[in-house]
Structures are given as structure tokens and as C-alpha cells.
Amino acid sequence: MPNTVMSSFAHNFLGRAPVWYKQVILLFLLVNPVAYYLLGPGFTGWMLIGEFIFTLAMALKCYPLLPGGLLAVEAMLIGLTTPDAVYLEVLTNFPVILLLMFMVAGI
């Protein structure tokens, strides 16, 4: 049983995913803003695509929607996209998003 807020957060972060996977996702979340400012938005965008593909590749071990969503929100927060662009993409691709969610849930 976690005793502090931080240990509780660490225990509950990404649910029952393996610890190494949680650490990799945290590494992604920490490296992306640094890469954005040091390497530019083009390279960081490709990094984010690779990271998202990694989360999908790990779908049999870990539920990929949470880390994928964290990466998407981070991309918006560091300035790789705008909330309006995200809204339009979600609106346009909502059937595909639902299909992906139910397929992953079925796995």
C-alpha cells in the first residue's frame, strides 16, 4: 500500500503495465520537450510518431491508449500542434478511433 502521494502516483501510473514500460513512457515524456527545443519540431514530430508506434507495438503487454494519449497531449502542450487541429483530426477520424479502441480492448 503506497504511503505517500508520490508513491501512490507511481504505483497507479499506467495501471498494471510493467515497471520498465512505465519508465520508458516517462523517459519519452521527459525527452520530448528537450528534443523540441534542441532539435526542432520536425525531428521531434518524427520521434513522437516512433514513440506512438512503440506504444501500439506493445499492445499485447500494455494497454496503449493511455500512453498514446499522454504523448498526444504532450505534443499539443509543447507546440507541435494546436487544439483546433487536434479537434478537427479527432472529429474526422472518430470512427477509426472507436475501431482502434474496441480492437485493442478485444485483444
PDB file of N, CA and C in Angstrom:
ATOM      1  N   MET A   1       0.840  -1.174   0.000  1.00  0.00           N
ATOM      2  CA  MET A   1       0.000   0.000   0.000  1.00  0.00           C
ATOM      3  C   MET A   1       0.889   1.243   0.000  1.00  0.00           C
ATOM      4  N   PRO A   2       0.713   2.130  -0.991  1.00  0.00           N
ATOM      5  CA  PRO A   2       1.526   3.345  -1.048  1.00  0.00           C
ATOM      6  C   PRO A   2       1.261   4.261   0.152  1.00  0.00           C
ATOM      7  N   ASN A   3       2.328   4.840   0.689  1.00  0.00           N
ATOM      8  CA  ASN A   3       2.213   5.686   1.874  1.00  0.00           C
ATOM      9  C   ASN A   3       2.156   7.166   1.554  1.00  0.00           C
ATOM     10  N   THR A   4       2.720   7.577   0.435  1.00  0.00           N
ATOM     11  CA  THR A   4       2.747   8.991   0.094  1.00  0.00           C
ATOM     12  C   THR A   4       2.025   9.220  -1.225  1.00  0.00           C
ATOM     13  N   VAL A   5       1.805  10.473  -1.519  1.00  0.00           N
ATOM     14  CA  VAL A   5       1.139  10.817  -2.774  1.00  0.00           C
ATOM     15  C   VAL A   5       2.007  10.399  -3.958  1.00  0.00           C
ATOM     16  N   MET A   6       3.303  10.645  -3.873  1.00  0.00           N
ATOM     17  CA  MET A   6       4.195  10.284  -4.980  1.00  0.00           C
ATOM     18  C   MET A   6       4.265   8.772  -5.185  1.00  0.00           C
ATOM     19  N   SER A   7       4.343   8.011  -4.115  1.00  0.00           N
ATOM     20  CA  SER A   7       4.391   6.557  -4.280  1.00  0.00           C
ATOM     21  C   SER A   7       3.056   6.030  -4.791  1.00  0.00           C
ATOM     22  N   SER A   8       1.976   6.673  -4.394  1.00  0.00           N
ATOM     23  CA  SER A   8       0.662   6.293  -4.910  1.00  0.00           C
ATOM     24  C   SER A   8       0.562   6.593  -6.403  1.00  0.00           C
ATOM     25  N   PHE A   9       1.057   7.754  -6.806  1.00  0.00           N
ATOM     26  CA  PHE A   9       1.059   8.105  -8.227  1.00  0.00           C
ATOM     27  C   PHE A   9       1.914   7.126  -9.020  1.00  0.00           C
ATOM     28  N   ALA A  10       3.090   6.814  -8.511  1.00  0.00           N
ATOM     29  CA  ALA A  10       3.985   5.885  -9.202  1.00  0.00           C
ATOM     30  C   ALA A  10       3.354   4.499  -9.311  1.00  0.00           C
ATOM     31  N   HIS A  11       2.656   4.089  -8.275  1.00  0.00           N
ATOM     32  CA  HIS A  11       2.020   2.769  -8.282  1.00  0.00           C
ATOM     33  C   HIS A  11       0.865   2.713  -9.281  1.00  0.00           C
ATOM     34  N   ASN A  12       0.102   3.788  -9.387  1.00  0.00           N
ATOM     35  CA  ASN A  12      -1.087   3.798 -10.242  1.00  0.00           C
ATOM     36  C   ASN A  12      -0.831   4.288 -11.663  1.00  0.00           C
ATOM     37  N   PHE A  13       0.334   4.843 -11.933  1.00  0.00           N
ATOM     38  CA  PHE A  13       0.642   5.370 -13.258  1.00  0.00           C
ATOM     39  C   PHE A  13       0.610   4.249 -14.292  1.00  0.00           C
ATOM     40  N   LEU A  14      -0.226   4.372 -15.289  1.00  0.00           N
ATOM     41  CA  LEU A  14      -0.404   3.412 -16.376  1.00  0.00           C
ATOM     42  C   LEU A  14      -0.866   2.032 -15.904  1.00  0.00           C
ATOM     43  N   GLY A  15      -1.500   1.982 -14.772  1.00  0.00           N
ATOM     44  CA  GLY A  15      -2.134   0.747 -14.318  1.00  0.00           C
ATOM     45  C   GLY A  15      -1.170  -0.390 -14.053  1.00  0.00           C
ATOM     46  N   ARG A  16      -1.468  -1.548 -14.637  1.00  0.00           N
ATOM     47  CA  ARG A  16      -0.692  -2.763 -14.371  1.00  0.00           C
ATOM     48  C   ARG A  16       0.428  -2.998 -15.376  1.00  0.00           C
ATOM     49  N   ALA A  17       0.820  -1.970 -16.073  1.00  0.00           N
ATOM     50  CA  ALA A  17       1.910  -2.109 -17.042  1.00  0.00           C
ATOM     51  C   ALA A  17       3.207  -2.447 -16.305  1.00  0.00           C
ATOM     52  N   PRO A  18       4.119  -3.144 -16.972  1.00  0.00           N
ATOM     53  CA  PRO A  18       5.410  -3.445 -16.332  1.00  0.00           C
ATOM     54  C   PRO A  18       6.162  -2.160 -15.977  1.00  0.00           C
ATOM     55  N   VAL A  19       6.987  -2.256 -14.969  1.00  0.00           N
ATOM     56  CA  VAL A  19       7.725  -1.081 -14.487  1.00  0.00           C
ATOM     57  C   VAL A  19       8.621  -0.513 -15.588  1.00  0.00           C
ATOM     58  N   TRP A  20       9.276  -1.385 -16.357  1.00  0.00           N
ATOM     59  CA  TRP A  20      10.168  -0.894 -17.408  1.00  0.00           C
ATOM     60  C   TRP A  20       9.392  -0.095 -18.447  1.00  0.00           C
ATOM     61  N   TYR A  21       8.153  -0.509 -18.729  1.00  0.00           N
ATOM     62  CA  TYR A  21       7.327   0.207 -19.705  1.00  0.00           C
ATOM     63  C   TYR A  21       6.951   1.587 -19.164  1.00  0.00           C
ATOM     64  N   LYS A  22       6.602   1.642 -17.894  1.00  0.00           N
ATOM     65  CA  LYS A  22       6.286   2.930 -17.273  1.00  0.00           C
ATOM     66  C   LYS A  22       7.494   3.858 -17.328  1.00  0.00           C
ATOM     67  N   GLN A  23       8.666   3.305 -17.091  1.00  0.00           N
ATOM     68  CA  GLN A  23       9.883   4.111 -17.124  1.00  0.00           C
ATOM     69  C   GLN A  23      10.179   4.619 -18.533  1.00  0.00           C
ATOM     70  N   VAL A  24       9.933   3.782 -19.537  1.00  0.00           N
ATOM     71  CA  VAL A  24      10.162   4.203 -20.923  1.00  0.00           C
ATOM     72  C   VAL A  24       9.204   5.334 -21.297  1.00  0.00           C
ATOM     73  N   ILE A  25       7.942   5.211 -20.920  1.00  0.00           N
ATOM     74  CA  ILE A  25       6.970   6.265 -21.230  1.00  0.00           C
ATOM     75  C   ILE A  25       7.350   7.561 -20.519  1.00  0.00           C
ATOM     76  N   LEU A  26       7.765   7.471 -19.262  1.00  0.00           N
ATOM     77  CA  LEU A  26       8.219   8.674 -18.553  1.00  0.00           C
ATOM     78  C   LEU A  26       9.445   9.279 -19.233  1.00  0.00           C
ATOM     79  N   LEU A  27      10.347   8.436 -19.699  1.00  0.00           N
ATOM     80  CA  LEU A  27      11.512   8.931 -20.427  1.00  0.00           C
ATOM     81  C   LEU A  27      11.077   9.674 -21.688  1.00  0.00           C
ATOM     82  N   PHE A  28      10.130   9.091 -22.430  1.00  0.00           N
ATOM     83  CA  PHE A  28       9.604   9.766 -23.618  1.00  0.00           C
ATOM     84  C   PHE A  28       9.043  11.138 -23.252  1.00  0.00           C
ATOM     85  N   LEU A  29       8.249  11.176 -22.183  1.00  0.00           N
ATOM     86  CA  LEU A  29       7.603  12.425 -21.786  1.00  0.00           C
ATOM     87  C   LEU A  29       8.616  13.477 -21.339  1.00  0.00           C
ATOM     88  N   LEU A  30       9.731  13.050 -20.789  1.00  0.00           N
ATOM     89  CA  LEU A  30      10.760  13.999 -20.362  1.00  0.00           C
ATOM     90  C   LEU A  30      11.672  14.434 -21.505  1.00  0.00           C
ATOM     91  N   VAL A  31      11.943  13.534 -22.435  1.00  0.00           N
ATOM     92  CA  VAL A  31      12.880  13.830 -23.523  1.00  0.00           C
ATOM     93  C   VAL A  31      12.234  14.693 -24.610  1.00  0.00           C
ATOM     94  N   ASN A  32      10.952  14.518 -24.855  1.00  0.00           N
ATOM     95  CA  ASN A  32      10.306  15.218 -25.969  1.00  0.00           C
ATOM     96  C   ASN A  32      10.403  16.742 -25.894  1.00  0.00           C
ATOM     97  N   PRO A  33      10.110  17.377 -24.755  1.00  0.00           N
ATOM     98  CA  PRO A  33      10.256  18.841 -24.735  1.00  0.00           C
ATOM     99  C   PRO A  33      11.698  19.296 -24.960  1.00  0.00           C
ATOM    100  N   VAL A  34      12.639  18.546 -24.415  1.00  0.00           N
ATOM    101  CA  VAL A  34      14.050  18.893 -24.608  1.00  0.00           C
ATOM    102  C   VAL A  34      14.418  18.752 -26.085  1.00  0.00           C
ATOM    103  N   ALA A  35      13.968  17.666 -26.701  1.00  0.00           N
ATOM    104  CA  ALA A  35      14.246  17.453 -28.128  1.00  0.00           C
ATOM    105  C   ALA A  35      13.594  18.538 -28.977  1.00  0.00           C
ATOM    106  N   TYR A  36      12.413  18.979 -28.580  1.00  0.00           N
ATOM    107  CA  TYR A  36      11.723  20.025 -29.338  1.00  0.00           C
ATOM    108  C   TYR A  36      12.553  21.306 -29.366  1.00  0.00           C
ATOM    109  N   TYR A  37      13.106  21.674 -28.224  1.00  0.00           N
ATOM    110  CA  TYR A  37      13.861  22.919 -28.159  1.00  0.00           C
ATOM    111  C   TYR A  37      15.283  22.780 -28.704  1.00  0.00           C
ATOM    112  N   LEU A  38      15.859  21.592 -28.620  1.00  0.00           N
ATOM    113  CA  LEU A  38      17.228  21.407 -29.110  1.00  0.00           C
ATOM    114  C   LEU A  38      17.291  20.979 -30.573  1.00  0.00           C
ATOM    115  N   LEU A  39      16.366  20.112 -30.991  1.00  0.00           N
ATOM    116  CA  LEU A  39      16.439  19.525 -32.329  1.00  0.00           C
ATOM    117  C   LEU A  39      15.392  20.060 -33.299  1.00  0.00           C
ATOM    118  N   GLY A  40      14.411  20.772 -32.784  1.00  0.00           N
ATOM    119  CA  GLY A  40      13.397  21.363 -33.648  1.00  0.00           C
ATOM    120  C   GLY A  40      12.136  20.523 -33.742  1.00  0.00           C
ATOM    121  N   PRO A  41      11.084  21.138 -34.271  1.00  0.00           N
ATOM    122  CA  PRO A  41       9.794  20.448 -34.321  1.00  0.00           C
ATOM    123  C   PRO A  41       9.737  19.295 -35.318  1.00  0.00           C
ATOM    124  N   GLY A  42      10.472  19.374 -36.403  1.00  0.00           N
ATOM    125  CA  GLY A  42      10.430  18.295 -37.396  1.00  0.00           C
ATOM    126  C   GLY A  42      10.943  16.979 -36.841  1.00  0.00           C
ATOM    127  N   PHE A  43      12.116  17.025 -36.256  1.00  0.00           N
ATOM    128  CA  PHE A  43      12.710  15.813 -35.686  1.00  0.00           C
ATOM    129  C   PHE A  43      11.883  15.294 -34.514  1.00  0.00           C
ATOM    130  N   THR A  44      11.409  16.203 -33.683  1.00  0.00           N
ATOM    131  CA  THR A  44      10.612  15.798 -32.523  1.00  0.00           C
ATOM    132  C   THR A  44       9.295  15.168 -32.961  1.00  0.00           C
ATOM    133  N   GLY A  45       8.710  15.676 -34.028  1.00  0.00           N
ATOM    134  CA  GLY A  45       7.488  15.073 -34.554  1.00  0.00           C
ATOM    135  C   GLY A  45       7.708  13.633 -34.983  1.00  0.00           C
ATOM    136  N   TRP A  46       8.821  13.384 -35.657  1.00  0.00           N
ATOM    137  CA  TRP A  46       9.136  12.012 -36.060  1.00  0.00           C
ATOM    138  C   TRP A  46       9.432  11.138 -34.849  1.00  0.00           C
ATOM    139  N   MET A  47      10.059  11.713 -33.843  1.00  0.00           N
ATOM    140  CA  MET A  47      10.282  10.957 -32.600  1.00  0.00           C
ATOM    141  C   MET A  47       8.951  10.545 -31.979  1.00  0.00           C
ATOM    142  N   LEU A  48       8.009  11.478 -31.936  1.00  0.00           N
ATOM    143  CA  LEU A  48       6.697  11.176 -31.358  1.00  0.00           C
ATOM    144  C   LEU A  48       5.973  10.090 -32.145  1.00  0.00           C
ATOM    145  N   ILE A  49       6.107  10.107 -33.452  1.00  0.00           N
ATOM    146  CA  ILE A  49       5.488   9.053 -34.261  1.00  0.00           C
ATOM    147  C   ILE A  49       6.106   7.699 -33.906  1.00  0.00           C
ATOM    148  N   GLY A  50       7.418   7.656 -33.781  1.00  0.00           N
ATOM    149  CA  GLY A  50       8.085   6.412 -33.385  1.00  0.00           C
ATOM    150  C   GLY A  50       7.670   5.949 -32.000  1.00  0.00           C
ATOM    151  N   GLU A  51       7.536   6.889 -31.088  1.00  0.00           N
ATOM    152  CA  GLU A  51       7.112   6.543 -29.729  1.00  0.00           C
ATOM    153  C   GLU A  51       5.683   6.006 -29.724  1.00  0.00           C
ATOM    154  N   PHE A  52       4.825   6.615 -30.519  1.00  0.00           N
ATOM    155  CA  PHE A  52       3.443   6.139 -30.588  1.00  0.00           C
ATOM    156  C   PHE A  52       3.380   4.742 -31.202  1.00  0.00           C
ATOM    157  N   ILE A  53       4.186   4.497 -32.226  1.00  0.00           N
ATOM    158  CA  ILE A  53       4.238   3.160 -32.824  1.00  0.00           C
ATOM    159  C   ILE A  53       4.741   2.150 -31.795  1.00  0.00           C
ATOM    160  N   PHE A  54       5.688   2.561 -30.966  1.00  0.00           N
ATOM    161  CA  PHE A  54       6.163   1.690 -29.887  1.00  0.00           C
ATOM    162  C   PHE A  54       5.016   1.330 -28.945  1.00  0.00           C
ATOM    163  N   THR A  55       4.187   2.314 -28.580  1.00  0.00           N
ATOM    164  CA  THR A  55       3.067   2.016 -27.676  1.00  0.00           C
ATOM    165  C   THR A  55       2.087   1.050 -28.335  1.00  0.00           C
ATOM    166  N   LEU A  56       1.880   1.193 -29.641  1.00  0.00           N
ATOM    167  CA  LEU A  56       0.988   0.261 -30.336  1.00  0.00           C
ATOM    168  C   LEU A  56       1.608  -1.129 -30.439  1.00  0.00           C
ATOM    169  N   ALA A  57       2.915  -1.185 -30.638  1.00  0.00           N
ATOM    170  CA  ALA A  57       3.592  -2.480 -30.738  1.00  0.00           C
ATOM    171  C   ALA A  57       3.541  -3.244 -29.416  1.00  0.00           C
ATOM    172  N   MET A  58       3.438  -2.525 -28.330  1.00  0.00           N
ATOM    173  CA  MET A  58       3.382  -3.154 -27.010  1.00  0.00           C
ATOM    174  C   MET A  58       1.949  -3.447 -26.573  1.00  0.00           C
ATOM    175  N   ALA A  59       1.001  -3.401 -27.492  1.00  0.00           N
ATOM    176  CA  ALA A  59      -0.415  -3.539 -27.146  1.00  0.00           C
ATOM    177  C   ALA A  59      -0.742  -4.870 -26.479  1.00  0.00           C
ATOM    178  N   LEU A  60       0.000  -5.916 -26.774  1.00  0.00           N
ATOM    179  CA  LEU A  60      -0.299  -7.201 -26.148  1.00  0.00           C
ATOM    180  C   LEU A  60       0.152  -7.251 -24.690  1.00  0.00           C
ATOM    181  N   LYS A  61       1.117  -6.427 -24.332  1.00  0.00           N
ATOM    182  CA  LYS A  61       1.603  -6.388 -22.948  1.00  0.00           C
ATOM    183  C   LYS A  61       0.965  -5.258 -22.141  1.00  0.00           C
ATOM    184  N   CYS A  62       0.693  -4.143 -22.801  1.00  0.00           N
ATOM    185  CA  CYS A  62       0.243  -2.941 -22.102  1.00  0.00           C
ATOM    186  C   CYS A  62      -0.855  -2.270 -22.919  1.00  0.00           C
ATOM    187  N   TYR A  63      -1.812  -1.705 -22.245  1.00  0.00           N
ATOM    188  CA  TYR A  63      -2.900  -1.003 -22.915  1.00  0.00           C
ATOM    189  C   TYR A  63      -2.353   0.297 -23.506  1.00  0.00           C
ATOM    190  N   PRO A  64      -2.374   0.468 -24.839  1.00  0.00           N
ATOM    191  CA  PRO A  64      -1.645   1.581 -25.459  1.00  0.00           C
ATOM    192  C   PRO A  64      -2.369   2.926 -25.477  1.00  0.00           C
ATOM    193  N   LEU A  65      -3.639   2.979 -25.110  1.00  0.00           N
ATOM    194  CA  LEU A  65      -4.356   4.241 -25.249  1.00  0.00           C
ATOM    195  C   LEU A  65      -3.905   5.295 -24.245  1.00  0.00           C
ATOM    196  N   LEU A  66      -3.574   4.902 -23.038  1.00  0.00           N
ATOM    197  CA  LEU A  66      -3.124   5.882 -22.046  1.00  0.00           C
ATOM    198  C   LEU A  66      -1.798   6.536 -22.433  1.00  0.00           C
ATOM    199  N   PRO A  67      -0.754   5.764 -22.721  1.00  0.00           N
ATOM    200  CA  PRO A  67       0.492   6.436 -23.102  1.00  0.00           C
ATOM    201  C   PRO A  67       0.384   7.154 -24.441  1.00  0.00           C
ATOM    202  N   GLY A  68      -0.392   6.608 -25.362  1.00  0.00           N
ATOM    203  CA  GLY A  68      -0.597   7.299 -26.635  1.00  0.00           C
ATOM    204  C   GLY A  68      -1.276   8.639 -26.429  1.00  0.00           C
ATOM    205  N   GLY A  69      -2.243   8.668 -25.535  1.00  0.00           N
ATOM    206  CA  GLY A  69      -2.923   9.922 -25.214  1.00  0.00           C
ATOM    207  C   GLY A  69      -2.001  10.906 -24.523  1.00  0.00           C
ATOM    208  N   LEU A  70      -1.160  10.407 -23.633  1.00  0.00           N
ATOM    209  CA  LEU A  70      -0.190  11.287 -22.969  1.00  0.00           C
ATOM    210  C   LEU A  70       0.763  11.905 -23.985  1.00  0.00           C
ATOM    211  N   LEU A  71       1.209  11.106 -24.940  1.00  0.00           N
ATOM    212  CA  LEU A  71       2.103  11.628 -25.974  1.00  0.00           C
ATOM    213  C   LEU A  71       1.393  12.666 -26.840  1.00  0.00           C
ATOM    214  N   ALA A  72       0.119  12.420 -27.141  1.00  0.00           N
ATOM    215  CA  ALA A  72      -0.638  13.373 -27.959  1.00  0.00           C
ATOM    216  C   ALA A  72      -0.852  14.690 -27.218  1.00  0.00           C
ATOM    217  N   VAL A  73      -1.179  14.608 -25.946  1.00  0.00           N
ATOM    218  CA  VAL A  73      -1.369  15.831 -25.156  1.00  0.00           C
ATOM    219  C   VAL A  73      -0.041  16.578 -25.029  1.00  0.00           C
ATOM    220  N   GLU A  74       1.031  15.838 -24.842  1.00  0.00           N
ATOM    221  CA  GLU A  74       2.334  16.491 -24.748  1.00  0.00           C
ATOM    222  C   GLU A  74       2.694  17.196 -26.052  1.00  0.00           C
ATOM    223  N   ALA A  75       2.399  16.569 -27.182  1.00  0.00           N
ATOM    224  CA  ALA A  75       2.677  17.205 -28.475  1.00  0.00           C
ATOM    225  C   ALA A  75       1.933  18.530 -28.590  1.00  0.00           C
ATOM    226  N   MET A  76       0.723  18.566 -28.076  1.00  0.00           N
ATOM    227  CA  MET A  76      -0.040  19.809 -28.113  1.00  0.00           C
ATOM    228  C   MET A  76       0.557  20.833 -27.144  1.00  0.00           C
ATOM    229  N   LEU A  77       0.959  20.392 -25.968  1.00  0.00           N
ATOM    230  CA  LEU A  77       1.488  21.318 -24.962  1.00  0.00           C
ATOM    231  C   LEU A  77       2.833  21.925 -25.359  1.00  0.00           C
ATOM    232  N   ILE A  78       3.673  21.166 -26.052  1.00  0.00           N
ATOM    233  CA  ILE A  78       4.974  21.726 -26.432  1.00  0.00           C
ATOM    234  C   ILE A  78       4.903  22.511 -27.734  1.00  0.00           C
ATOM    235  N   GLY A  79       3.745  22.516 -28.377  1.00  0.00           N
ATOM    236  CA  GLY A  79       3.562  23.379 -29.534  1.00  0.00           C
ATOM    237  C   GLY A  79       3.692  22.712 -30.886  1.00  0.00           C
ATOM    238  N   LEU A  80       3.661  21.386 -30.945  1.00  0.00           N
ATOM    239  CA  LEU A  80       3.734  20.717 -32.240  1.00  0.00           C
ATOM    240  C   LEU A  80       2.416  20.787 -33.003  1.00  0.00           C
ATOM    241  N   THR A  81       1.344  21.062 -32.307  1.00  0.00           N
ATOM    242  CA  THR A  81       0.039  21.200 -32.939  1.00  0.00           C
ATOM    243  C   THR A  81      -0.812  22.151 -32.109  1.00  0.00           C
ATOM    244  N   THR A  82      -1.991  22.452 -32.618  1.00  0.00           N
ATOM    245  CA  THR A  82      -2.906  23.338 -31.898  1.00  0.00           C
ATOM    246  C   THR A  82      -4.130  22.546 -31.451  1.00  0.00           C
ATOM    247  N   PRO A  83      -4.829  23.027 -30.443  1.00  0.00           N
ATOM    248  CA  PRO A  83      -6.057  22.343 -30.031  1.00  0.00           C
ATOM    249  C   PRO A  83      -7.094  22.262 -31.157  1.00  0.00           C
ATOM    250  N   ASP A  84      -7.161  23.279 -31.993  1.00  0.00           N
ATOM    251  CA  ASP A  84      -8.113  23.249 -33.111  1.00  0.00           C
ATOM    252  C   ASP A  84      -7.779  22.141 -34.104  1.00  0.00           C
ATOM    253  N   ALA A  85      -6.495  21.967 -34.392  1.00  0.00           N
ATOM    254  CA  ALA A  85      -6.084  20.905 -35.314  1.00  0.00           C
ATOM    255  C   ALA A  85      -6.380  19.531 -34.719  1.00  0.00           C
ATOM    256  N   VAL A  86      -6.156  19.386 -33.420  1.00  0.00           N
ATOM    257  CA  VAL A  86      -6.456  18.113 -32.757  1.00  0.00           C
ATOM    258  C   VAL A  86      -7.955  17.836 -32.825  1.00  0.00           C
ATOM    259  N   TYR A  87      -8.755  18.850 -32.556  1.00  0.00           N
ATOM    260  CA  TYR A  87     -10.208  18.682 -32.604  1.00  0.00           C
ATOM    261  C   TYR A  87     -10.666  18.244 -33.993  1.00  0.00           C
ATOM    262  N   LEU A  88     -10.159  18.893 -35.030  1.00  0.00           N
ATOM    263  CA  LEU A  88     -10.558  18.531 -36.394  1.00  0.00           C
ATOM    264  C   LEU A  88     -10.124  17.109 -36.752  1.00  0.00           C
ATOM    265  N   GLU A  89      -8.931  16.720 -36.341  1.00  0.00           N
ATOM    266  CA  GLU A  89      -8.462  15.360 -36.623  1.00  0.00           C
ATOM    267  C   GLU A  89      -9.296  14.319 -35.888  1.00  0.00           C
ATOM    268  N   VAL A  90      -9.618  14.595 -34.632  1.00  0.00           N
ATOM    269  CA  VAL A  90     -10.445  13.656 -33.866  1.00  0.00           C
ATOM    270  C   VAL A  90     -11.833  13.567 -34.482  1.00  0.00           C
ATOM    271  N   LEU A  91     -12.387  14.692 -34.852  1.00  0.00           N
ATOM    272  CA  LEU A  91     -13.715  14.711 -35.459  1.00  0.00           C
ATOM    273  C   LEU A  91     -13.730  13.934 -36.773  1.00  0.00           C
ATOM    274  N   THR A  92     -12.714  14.124 -37.578  1.00  0.00           N
ATOM    275  CA  THR A  92     -12.634  13.444 -38.869  1.00  0.00           C
ATOM    276  C   THR A  92     -12.408  11.944 -38.707  1.00  0.00           C
ATOM    277  N   ASN A  93     -11.580  11.573 -37.751  1.00  0.00           N
ATOM    278  CA  ASN A  93     -11.168  10.172 -37.611  1.00  0.00           C
ATOM    279  C   ASN A  93     -11.850   9.445 -36.462  1.00  0.00           C
ATOM    280  N   PHE A  94     -12.954   9.957 -35.981  1.00  0.00           N
ATOM    281  CA  PHE A  94     -13.620   9.334 -34.837  1.00  0.00           C
ATOM    282  C   PHE A  94     -14.001   7.872 -35.076  1.00  0.00           C
ATOM    283  N   PRO A  95     -14.526   7.508 -36.254  1.00  0.00           N
ATOM    284  CA  PRO A  95     -14.824   6.078 -36.463  1.00  0.00           C
ATOM    285  C   PRO A  95     -13.583   5.188 -36.367  1.00  0.00           C
ATOM    286  N   VAL A  96     -12.463   5.666 -36.866  1.00  0.00           N
ATOM    287  CA  VAL A  96     -11.227   4.886 -36.790  1.00  0.00           C
ATOM    288  C   VAL A  96     -10.756   4.780 -35.341  1.00  0.00           C
ATOM    289  N   ILE A  97     -10.896   5.867 -34.593  1.00  0.00           N
ATOM    290  CA  ILE A  97     -10.505   5.853 -33.180  1.00  0.00           C
ATOM    291  C   ILE A  97     -11.355   4.845 -32.413  1.00  0.00           C
ATOM    292  N   LEU A  98     -12.655   4.829 -32.663  1.00  0.00           N
ATOM    293  CA  LEU A  98     -13.525   3.854 -31.998  1.00  0.00           C
ATOM    294  C   LEU A  98     -13.149   2.428 -32.380  1.00  0.00           C
ATOM    295  N   LEU A  99     -12.870   2.210 -33.652  1.00  0.00           N
ATOM    296  CA  LEU A  99     -12.460   0.883 -34.100  1.00  0.00           C
ATOM    297  C   LEU A  99     -11.186   0.445 -33.393  1.00  0.00           C
ATOM    298  N   LEU A 100     -10.216   1.336 -33.303  1.00  0.00           N
ATOM    299  CA  LEU A 100      -8.963   1.022 -32.626  1.00  0.00           C
ATOM    300  C   LEU A 100      -9.196   0.715 -31.152  1.00  0.00           C
ATOM    301  N   MET A 101     -10.022   1.511 -30.500  1.00  0.00           N
ATOM    302  CA  MET A 101     -10.290   1.288 -29.076  1.00  0.00           C
ATOM    303  C   MET A 101     -10.915  -0.080 -28.841  1.00  0.00           C
ATOM    304  N   PHE A 102     -11.900  -0.442 -29.653  1.00  0.00           N
ATOM    305  CA  PHE A 102     -12.575  -1.716 -29.435  1.00  0.00           C
ATOM    306  C   PHE A 102     -11.713  -2.899 -29.861  1.00  0.00           C
ATOM    307  N   MET A 103     -10.878  -2.708 -30.873  1.00  0.00           N
ATOM    308  CA  MET A 103      -9.972  -3.792 -31.262  1.00  0.00           C
ATOM    309  C   MET A 103      -8.943  -4.048 -30.170  1.00  0.00           C
ATOM    310  N   VAL A 104      -8.380  -2.974 -29.619  1.00  0.00           N
ATOM    311  CA  VAL A 104      -7.383  -3.129 -28.565  1.00  0.00           C
ATOM    312  C   VAL A 104      -8.027  -3.718 -27.318  1.00  0.00           C
ATOM    313  N   ALA A 105      -9.240  -3.287 -27.016  1.00  0.00           N
ATOM    314  CA  ALA A 105      -9.934  -3.833 -25.848  1.00  0.00           C
ATOM    315  C   ALA A 105     -10.216  -5.323 -26.036  1.00  0.00           C
ATOM    316  N   GLY A 106     -10.439  -5.741 -27.272  1.00  0.00           N
ATOM    317  CA  GLY A 106     -10.696  -7.149 -27.552  1.00  0.00           C
ATOM    318  C   GLY A 106      -9.456  -8.013 -27.462  1.00  0.00           C
ATOM    319  N   ILE A 107      -8.300  -7.406 -27.636  1.00  0.00           N
ATOM    320  CA  ILE A 107      -7.042  -8.160 -27.562  1.00  0.00           C
ATOM    321  C   ILE A 107      -6.782  -8.473 -26.124  1.00  0.00           C
TER     322      ILE A 107
END
